[in-house]
PDB file of N, CA and C in Angstrom:
ATOM      1  N   MET A   1      -1.799   7.897   6.454  1.00  0.00           N
ATOM      2  CA  MET A   1      -2.229   6.667   7.049  1.00  0.00           C
ATOM      3  C   MET A   1      -1.437   5.649   6.196  1.00  0.00           C
ATOM      4  N   GLU A   2      -0.841   4.454   6.802  1.00  0.00           N
ATOM      5  CA  GLU A   2      -0.100   3.365   6.088  1.00  0.00           C
ATOM      6  C   GLU A   2      -1.151   2.515   5.498  1.00  0.00           C
ATOM      7  N   ILE A   3      -0.893   1.879   4.565  1.00  0.00           N
ATOM      8  CA  ILE A   3      -1.900   0.950   3.974  1.00  0.00           C
ATOM      9  C   ILE A   3      -2.285  -0.192   4.781  1.00  0.00           C
ATOM     10  N   ASN A   4      -1.600  -0.880   5.678  1.00  0.00           N
ATOM     11  CA  ASN A   4      -1.904  -1.703   6.479  1.00  0.00           C
ATOM     12  C   ASN A   4      -3.293  -1.195   7.666  1.00  0.00           C
ATOM     13  N   GLU A   5      -2.881   0.118   7.852  1.00  0.00           N
ATOM     14  CA  GLU A   5      -4.015   0.626   8.777  1.00  0.00           C
ATOM     15  C   GLU A   5      -5.238   0.922   8.247  1.00  0.00           C
ATOM     16  N   PHE A   6      -5.026   1.494   6.888  1.00  0.00           N
ATOM     17  CA  PHE A   6      -6.432   1.612   6.025  1.00  0.00           C
ATOM     18  C   PHE A   6      -7.099   0.511   5.746  1.00  0.00           C
ATOM     19  N   ILE A   7      -6.190  -0.771   5.287  1.00  0.00           N
ATOM     20  CA  ILE A   7      -7.197  -1.893   5.169  1.00  0.00           C
ATOM     21  C   ILE A   7      -7.951  -2.393   6.434  1.00  0.00           C
ATOM     22  N   LYS A   8      -7.061  -2.423   7.400  1.00  0.00           N
ATOM     23  CA  LYS A   8      -7.767  -2.944   9.052  1.00  0.00           C
ATOM     24  C   LYS A   8      -8.710  -2.000   9.191  1.00  0.00           C
ATOM     25  N   GLN A   9      -8.581  -0.661   8.983  1.00  0.00           N
ATOM     26  CA  GLN A   9      -9.796   0.239   9.339  1.00  0.00           C
ATOM     27  C   GLN A   9     -10.875   0.025   8.316  1.00  0.00           C
ATOM     28  N   LYS A  10     -10.973  -0.296   7.055  1.00  0.00           N
ATOM     29  CA  LYS A  10     -12.001  -0.732   6.042  1.00  0.00           C
ATOM     30  C   LYS A  10     -12.711  -2.066   6.544  1.00  0.00           C
ATOM     31  N   ARG A  11     -11.720  -2.925   6.799  1.00  0.00           N
ATOM     32  CA  ARG A  11     -12.198  -4.188   7.235  1.00  0.00           C
ATOM     33  C   ARG A  11     -13.186  -4.288   8.499  1.00  0.00           C
ATOM     34  N   LYS A  12     -12.823  -3.487   9.532  1.00  0.00           N
ATOM     35  CA  LYS A  12     -13.722  -3.151  10.625  1.00  0.00           C
ATOM     36  C   LYS A  12     -14.892  -2.382  10.399  1.00  0.00           C
ATOM     37  N   LEU A  13     -14.741  -1.504   9.572  1.00  0.00           N
ATOM     38  CA  LEU A  13     -16.037  -0.629   9.211  1.00  0.00           C
ATOM     39  C   LEU A  13     -17.133  -1.442   8.486  1.00  0.00           C
ATOM     40  N   PHE A  14     -16.473  -2.511   7.679  1.00  0.00           N
ATOM     41  CA  PHE A  14     -17.339  -3.454   7.075  1.00  0.00           C
ATOM     42  C   PHE A  14     -17.758  -4.666   7.981  1.00  0.00           C
ATOM     43  N   ASN A  15     -17.379  -4.847   9.015  1.00  0.00           N
ATOM     44  CA  ASN A  15     -17.597  -5.864  10.010  1.00  0.00           C
ATOM     45  C   ASN A  15     -17.252  -7.265   9.526  1.00  0.00           C
ATOM     46  N   LEU A  16     -16.013  -6.986   8.906  1.00  0.00           N
ATOM     47  CA  LEU A  16     -15.466  -8.066   8.334  1.00  0.00           C
ATOM     48  C   LEU A  16     -14.347  -8.994   9.134  1.00  0.00           C
ATOM     49  N   THR A  17     -14.078 -10.213   9.442  1.00  0.00           N
ATOM     50  CA  THR A  17     -13.061 -10.839  10.176  1.00  0.00           C
ATOM     51  C   THR A  17     -12.218 -11.013   9.118  1.00  0.00           C
ATOM     52  N   GLN A  18     -10.776 -11.360   9.585  1.00  0.00           N
ATOM     53  CA  GLN A  18      -9.588 -11.539   8.755  1.00  0.00           C
ATOM     54  C   GLN A  18     -10.073 -12.710   7.494  1.00  0.00           C
ATOM     55  N   PRO A  19     -10.408 -13.862   8.237  1.00  0.00           N
ATOM     56  CA  PRO A  19     -10.768 -14.932   7.154  1.00  0.00           C
ATOM     57  C   PRO A  19     -11.894 -14.497   6.182  1.00  0.00           C
ATOM     58  N   GLU A  20     -12.940 -13.813   6.647  1.00  0.00           N
ATOM     59  CA  GLU A  20     -13.840 -13.159   5.724  1.00  0.00           C
ATOM     60  C   GLU A  20     -13.338 -12.437   4.560  1.00  0.00           C
ATOM     61  N   LEU A  21     -12.488 -11.478   4.877  1.00  0.00           N
ATOM     62  CA  LEU A  21     -11.910 -10.547   3.983  1.00  0.00           C
ATOM     63  C   LEU A  21     -11.060 -11.531   2.959  1.00  0.00           C
ATOM     64  N   ALA A  22     -10.282 -12.513   3.611  1.00  0.00           N
ATOM     65  CA  ALA A  22      -9.561 -13.061   2.738  1.00  0.00           C
ATOM     66  C   ALA A  22     -10.310 -13.975   1.684  1.00  0.00           C
ATOM     67  N   GLU A  23     -11.436 -14.487   2.218  1.00  0.00           N
ATOM     68  CA  GLU A  23     -12.433 -15.270   1.250  1.00  0.00           C
ATOM     69  C   GLU A  23     -12.710 -14.172   0.223  1.00  0.00           C
ATOM     70  N   LYS A  24     -13.652 -13.224   0.553  1.00  0.00           N
ATOM     71  CA  LYS A  24     -14.065 -12.105  -0.393  1.00  0.00           C
ATOM     72  C   LYS A  24     -13.093 -11.648  -1.524  1.00  0.00           C
ATOM     73  N   ALA A  25     -11.781 -11.398  -0.970  1.00  0.00           N
ATOM     74  CA  ALA A  25     -10.709 -10.969  -1.816  1.00  0.00           C
ATOM     75  C   ALA A  25     -10.023 -11.919  -2.591  1.00  0.00           C
ATOM     76  N   GLY A  26     -10.408 -13.152  -2.317  1.00  0.00           N
ATOM     77  CA  GLY A  26      -9.484 -14.325  -2.975  1.00  0.00           C
ATOM     78  C   GLY A  26      -8.107 -14.513  -2.847  1.00  0.00           C
ATOM     79  N   VAL A  27      -7.724 -13.958  -1.508  1.00  0.00           N
ATOM     80  CA  VAL A  27      -6.286 -14.257  -1.263  1.00  0.00           C
ATOM     81  C   VAL A  27      -6.489 -15.230   0.143  1.00  0.00           C
ATOM     82  N   GLY A  28      -5.088 -15.589   0.495  1.00  0.00           N
ATOM     83  CA  GLY A  28      -5.002 -16.418   1.534  1.00  0.00           C
ATOM     84  C   GLY A  28      -5.079 -15.569   2.996  1.00  0.00           C
ATOM     85  N   LEU A  29      -5.557 -16.256   3.857  1.00  0.00           N
ATOM     86  CA  LEU A  29      -5.348 -15.708   5.321  1.00  0.00           C
ATOM     87  C   LEU A  29      -4.273 -15.017   5.854  1.00  0.00           C
ATOM     88  N   ARG A  30      -3.207 -15.669   5.351  1.00  0.00           N
ATOM     89  CA  ARG A  30      -1.840 -15.567   5.771  1.00  0.00           C
ATOM     90  C   ARG A  30      -1.583 -13.975   5.334  1.00  0.00           C
ATOM     91  N   PHE A  31      -1.822 -14.057   3.921  1.00  0.00           N
ATOM     92  CA  PHE A  31      -1.657 -12.676   3.179  1.00  0.00           C
ATOM     93  C   PHE A  31      -2.259 -11.462   3.855  1.00  0.00           C
ATOM     94  N   ILE A  32      -3.650 -11.632   4.329  1.00  0.00           N
ATOM     95  CA  ILE A  32      -4.297 -10.628   4.942  1.00  0.00           C
ATOM     96  C   ILE A  32      -3.478 -10.330   6.281  1.00  0.00           C
ATOM     97  N   ARG A  33      -3.124 -11.460   6.901  1.00  0.00           N
ATOM     98  CA  ARG A  33      -2.525 -11.073   8.334  1.00  0.00           C
ATOM     99  C   ARG A  33      -1.327 -10.282   8.052  1.00  0.00           C
ATOM    100  N   GLU A  34      -0.280 -10.913   6.994  1.00  0.00           N
ATOM    101  CA  GLU A  34       0.992 -10.014   6.830  1.00  0.00           C
ATOM    102  C   GLU A  34       0.677  -8.575   6.281  1.00  0.00           C
ATOM    103  N   LEU A  35      -0.282  -8.407   5.651  1.00  0.00           N
ATOM    104  CA  LEU A  35      -1.006  -7.060   5.055  1.00  0.00           C
ATOM    105  C   LEU A  35      -1.158  -6.288   6.112  1.00  0.00           C
ATOM    106  N   GLU A  36      -2.054  -6.537   7.277  1.00  0.00           N
ATOM    107  CA  GLU A  36      -2.226  -5.716   8.216  1.00  0.00           C
ATOM    108  C   GLU A  36      -1.170  -5.707   9.454  1.00  0.00           C
ATOM    109  N   LYS A  37      -0.198  -6.495   9.364  1.00  0.00           N
ATOM    110  CA  LYS A  37       0.862  -6.304  10.204  1.00  0.00           C
ATOM    111  C   LYS A  37       1.954  -5.281   9.423  1.00  0.00           C
ATOM    112  N   GLY A  38       1.631  -4.840   8.419  1.00  0.00           N
ATOM    113  CA  GLY A  38       2.514  -4.044   7.724  1.00  0.00           C
ATOM    114  C   GLY A  38       3.808  -4.528   7.201  1.00  0.00           C
ATOM    115  N   LYS A  39       3.768  -5.979   6.612  1.00  0.00           N
ATOM    116  CA  LYS A  39       4.932  -6.515   6.046  1.00  0.00           C
ATOM    117  C   LYS A  39       5.151  -5.660   4.709  1.00  0.00           C
ATOM    118  N   GLU A  40       6.574  -5.468   4.605  1.00  0.00           N
ATOM    119  CA  GLU A  40       6.993  -4.413   3.351  1.00  0.00           C
ATOM    120  C   GLU A  40       7.168  -5.013   2.295  1.00  0.00           C
ATOM    121  N   THR A  41       6.923  -6.231   1.985  1.00  0.00           N
ATOM    122  CA  THR A  41       7.152  -6.945   0.880  1.00  0.00           C
ATOM    123  C   THR A  41       6.090  -7.891   0.382  1.00  0.00           C
ATOM    124  N   LEU A  42       5.097  -7.364  -0.233  1.00  0.00           N
ATOM    125  CA  LEU A  42       3.898  -8.228  -0.771  1.00  0.00           C
ATOM    126  C   LEU A  42       3.507  -7.765  -2.123  1.00  0.00           C
ATOM    127  N   ARG A  43       3.027  -8.769  -2.690  1.00  0.00           N
ATOM    128  CA  ARG A  43       2.720  -8.653  -4.121  1.00  0.00           C
ATOM    129  C   ARG A  43       1.537  -7.649  -4.359  1.00  0.00           C
ATOM    130  N   ILE A  44       1.749  -6.503  -5.217  1.00  0.00           N
ATOM    131  CA  ILE A  44       1.001  -5.335  -5.363  1.00  0.00           C
ATOM    132  C   ILE A  44      -0.439  -5.983  -6.012  1.00  0.00           C
ATOM    133  N   ASP A  45      -0.455  -7.036  -6.622  1.00  0.00           N
ATOM    134  CA  ASP A  45      -1.669  -7.441  -7.373  1.00  0.00           C
ATOM    135  C   ASP A  45      -2.550  -7.950  -6.398  1.00  0.00           C
ATOM    136  N   LYS A  46      -2.022  -8.399  -5.437  1.00  0.00           N
ATOM    137  CA  LYS A  46      -2.773  -9.023  -4.193  1.00  0.00           C
ATOM    138  C   LYS A  46      -3.441  -8.025  -3.272  1.00  0.00           C
ATOM    139  N   VAL A  47      -2.468  -7.116  -3.011  1.00  0.00           N
ATOM    140  CA  VAL A  47      -2.800  -6.031  -2.380  1.00  0.00           C
ATOM    141  C   VAL A  47      -4.191  -5.353  -2.962  1.00  0.00           C
ATOM    142  N   ASN A  48      -3.951  -5.071  -4.429  1.00  0.00           N
ATOM    143  CA  ASN A  48      -5.067  -4.708  -5.111  1.00  0.00           C
ATOM    144  C   ASN A  48      -6.375  -5.361  -4.952  1.00  0.00           C
ATOM    145  N   GLN A  49      -6.317  -6.437  -5.172  1.00  0.00           N
ATOM    146  CA  GLN A  49      -7.385  -7.602  -5.001  1.00  0.00           C
ATOM    147  C   GLN A  49      -8.122  -7.077  -3.590  1.00  0.00           C
ATOM    148  N   VAL A  50      -7.414  -6.976  -2.569  1.00  0.00           N
ATOM    149  CA  VAL A  50      -7.969  -6.619  -1.580  1.00  0.00           C
ATOM    150  C   VAL A  50      -8.663  -5.183  -1.425  1.00  0.00           C
ATOM    151  N   LEU A  51      -7.926  -3.982  -1.720  1.00  0.00           N
ATOM    152  CA  LEU A  51      -8.316  -2.811  -2.142  1.00  0.00           C
ATOM    153  C   LEU A  51      -9.479  -2.734  -2.831  1.00  0.00           C
ATOM    154  N   GLN A  52      -9.764  -3.403  -3.837  1.00  0.00           N
ATOM    155  CA  GLN A  52     -10.723  -3.407  -4.773  1.00  0.00           C
ATOM    156  C   GLN A  52     -12.123  -3.456  -4.223  1.00  0.00           C
ATOM    157  N   LEU A  53     -12.030  -4.399  -2.951  1.00  0.00           N
ATOM    158  CA  LEU A  53     -13.356  -4.655  -2.332  1.00  0.00           C
ATOM    159  C   LEU A  53     -13.922  -3.454  -1.787  1.00  0.00           C
ATOM    160  N   PHE A  54     -13.032  -2.480  -1.494  1.00  0.00           N
ATOM    161  CA  PHE A  54     -13.455  -1.138  -0.906  1.00  0.00           C
ATOM    162  C   PHE A  54     -13.274   0.003  -1.793  1.00  0.00           C
ATOM    163  N   GLY A  55     -13.274  -0.129  -3.124  1.00  0.00           N
ATOM    164  CA  GLY A  55     -13.319   0.661  -4.041  1.00  0.00           C
ATOM    165  C   GLY A  55     -11.880   1.541  -4.420  1.00  0.00           C
ATOM    166  N   TYR A  56     -10.701   0.856  -3.972  1.00  0.00           N
ATOM    167  CA  TYR A  56      -9.382   1.586  -3.976  1.00  0.00           C
ATOM    168  C   TYR A  56      -8.532   0.590  -4.782  1.00  0.00           C
ATOM    169  N   GLN A  57      -7.214   1.219  -5.261  1.00  0.00           N
ATOM    170  CA  GLN A  57      -6.164   0.551  -5.706  1.00  0.00           C
ATOM    171  C   GLN A  57      -4.871   1.195  -5.547  1.00  0.00           C
ATOM    172  N   VAL A  58      -3.827   0.691  -5.438  1.00  0.00           N
ATOM    173  CA  VAL A  58      -2.660   1.061  -5.483  1.00  0.00           C
ATOM    174  C   VAL A  58      -2.102   1.250  -6.640  1.00  0.00           C
ATOM    175  N   GLY A  59      -1.444   2.689  -6.726  1.00  0.00           N
ATOM    176  CA  GLY A  59      -0.939   3.143  -8.045  1.00  0.00           C
ATOM    177  C   GLY A  59       0.468   4.054  -8.065  1.00  0.00           C
ATOM    178  N   PRO A  60       0.837   4.284  -8.956  1.00  0.00           N
ATOM    179  CA  PRO A  60       2.123   5.172  -9.013  1.00  0.00           C
ATOM    180  C   PRO A  60       1.697   6.801  -8.480  1.00  0.00           C
ATOM    181  N   MET A  61       2.450   7.204  -7.325  1.00  0.00           N
ATOM    182  CA  MET A  61       2.247   8.533  -6.882  1.00  0.00           C
ATOM    183  C   MET A  61       3.585   9.368  -6.983  1.00  0.00           C
ATOM    184  N   ALA A  62       3.485  10.665  -7.380  1.00  0.00           N
ATOM    185  CA  ALA A  62       4.441  11.291  -7.491  1.00  0.00           C
ATOM    186  C   ALA A  62       4.944  11.668  -5.977  1.00  0.00           C
ATOM    187  N   ILE A  63       6.262  11.690  -5.763  1.00  0.00           N
ATOM    188  CA  ILE A  63       6.941  11.875  -4.497  1.00  0.00           C
ATOM    189  C   ILE A  63       7.725  13.425  -4.472  1.00  0.00           C
ATOM    190  N   ASP A  64       7.810  13.958  -3.411  1.00  0.00           N
ATOM    191  CA  ASP A  64       8.417  15.177  -3.306  1.00  0.00           C
ATOM    192  C   ASP A  64      10.072  14.920  -3.434  1.00  0.00           C
ATOM    193  N   ARG A  65      10.470  15.128  -4.488  1.00  0.00           N
ATOM    194  CA  ARG A  65      11.940  14.911  -4.611  1.00  0.00           C
ATOM    195  C   ARG A  65      12.878  15.641  -3.498  1.00  0.00           C
ATOM    196  N   LYS A  66      12.642  16.839  -3.080  1.00  0.00           N
ATOM    197  CA  LYS A  66      13.470  17.537  -2.067  1.00  0.00           C
ATOM    198  C   LYS A  66      13.260  16.718  -0.810  1.00  0.00           C
ATOM    199  N   LEU A  67      12.331  16.111  -0.609  1.00  0.00           N
ATOM    200  CA  LEU A  67      12.088  15.221   0.669  1.00  0.00           C
ATOM    201  C   LEU A  67      12.879  13.912   0.606  1.00  0.00           C
ATOM    202  N   VAL A  68      13.182  13.359  -0.447  1.00  0.00           N
ATOM    203  CA  VAL A  68      13.946  12.358  -0.677  1.00  0.00           C
ATOM    204  C   VAL A  68      15.513  12.597  -0.689  1.00  0.00           C
ATOM    205  N   GLU A  69      15.800  13.731  -1.381  1.00  0.00           N
ATOM    206  CA  GLU A  69      17.058  14.387  -1.241  1.00  0.00           C
ATOM    207  C   GLU A  69      17.592  14.542   0.185  1.00  0.00           C
ATOM    208  N   ASN A  70      16.717  15.119   0.995  1.00  0.00           N
ATOM    209  CA  ASN A  70      16.981  15.371   2.326  1.00  0.00           C
ATOM    210  C   ASN A  70      17.180  14.235   3.120  1.00  0.00           C
ATOM    211  N   GLU A  71      16.510  13.191   2.870  1.00  0.00           N
ATOM    212  CA  GLU A  71      16.744  11.883   3.715  1.00  0.00           C
ATOM    213  C   GLU A  71      17.924  11.230   3.336  1.00  0.00           C
ATOM    214  N   LYS A  72      18.416  11.402   2.146  1.00  0.00           N
ATOM    215  CA  LYS A  72      19.843  10.929   1.604  1.00  0.00           C
ATOM    216  C   LYS A  72      21.013  11.718   2.310  1.00  0.00           C
ATOM    217  N   SER A  73      20.681  12.783   2.876  1.00  0.00           N
ATOM    218  CA  SER A  73      21.943  13.644   3.218  1.00  0.00           C
ATOM    219  C   SER A  73      21.994  13.257   4.635  1.00  0.00           C
TER     220      SER A  73
END
């Protein structure tokens, strides 16, 4: 699941509107809208502000090197 889908799903689970989520997370409404639309370039600290409301955070993850190498071919 992509992060934009995850956040949208959590927001709806908690019965929050986008403006309510923005206010609770301390970010702008525009940021929430861009995040849920899947904008590829967002500030990770702000993404974490939103995720923290649901008990999550973004962090480094190991990737499958073979997968990356196959995509380059």
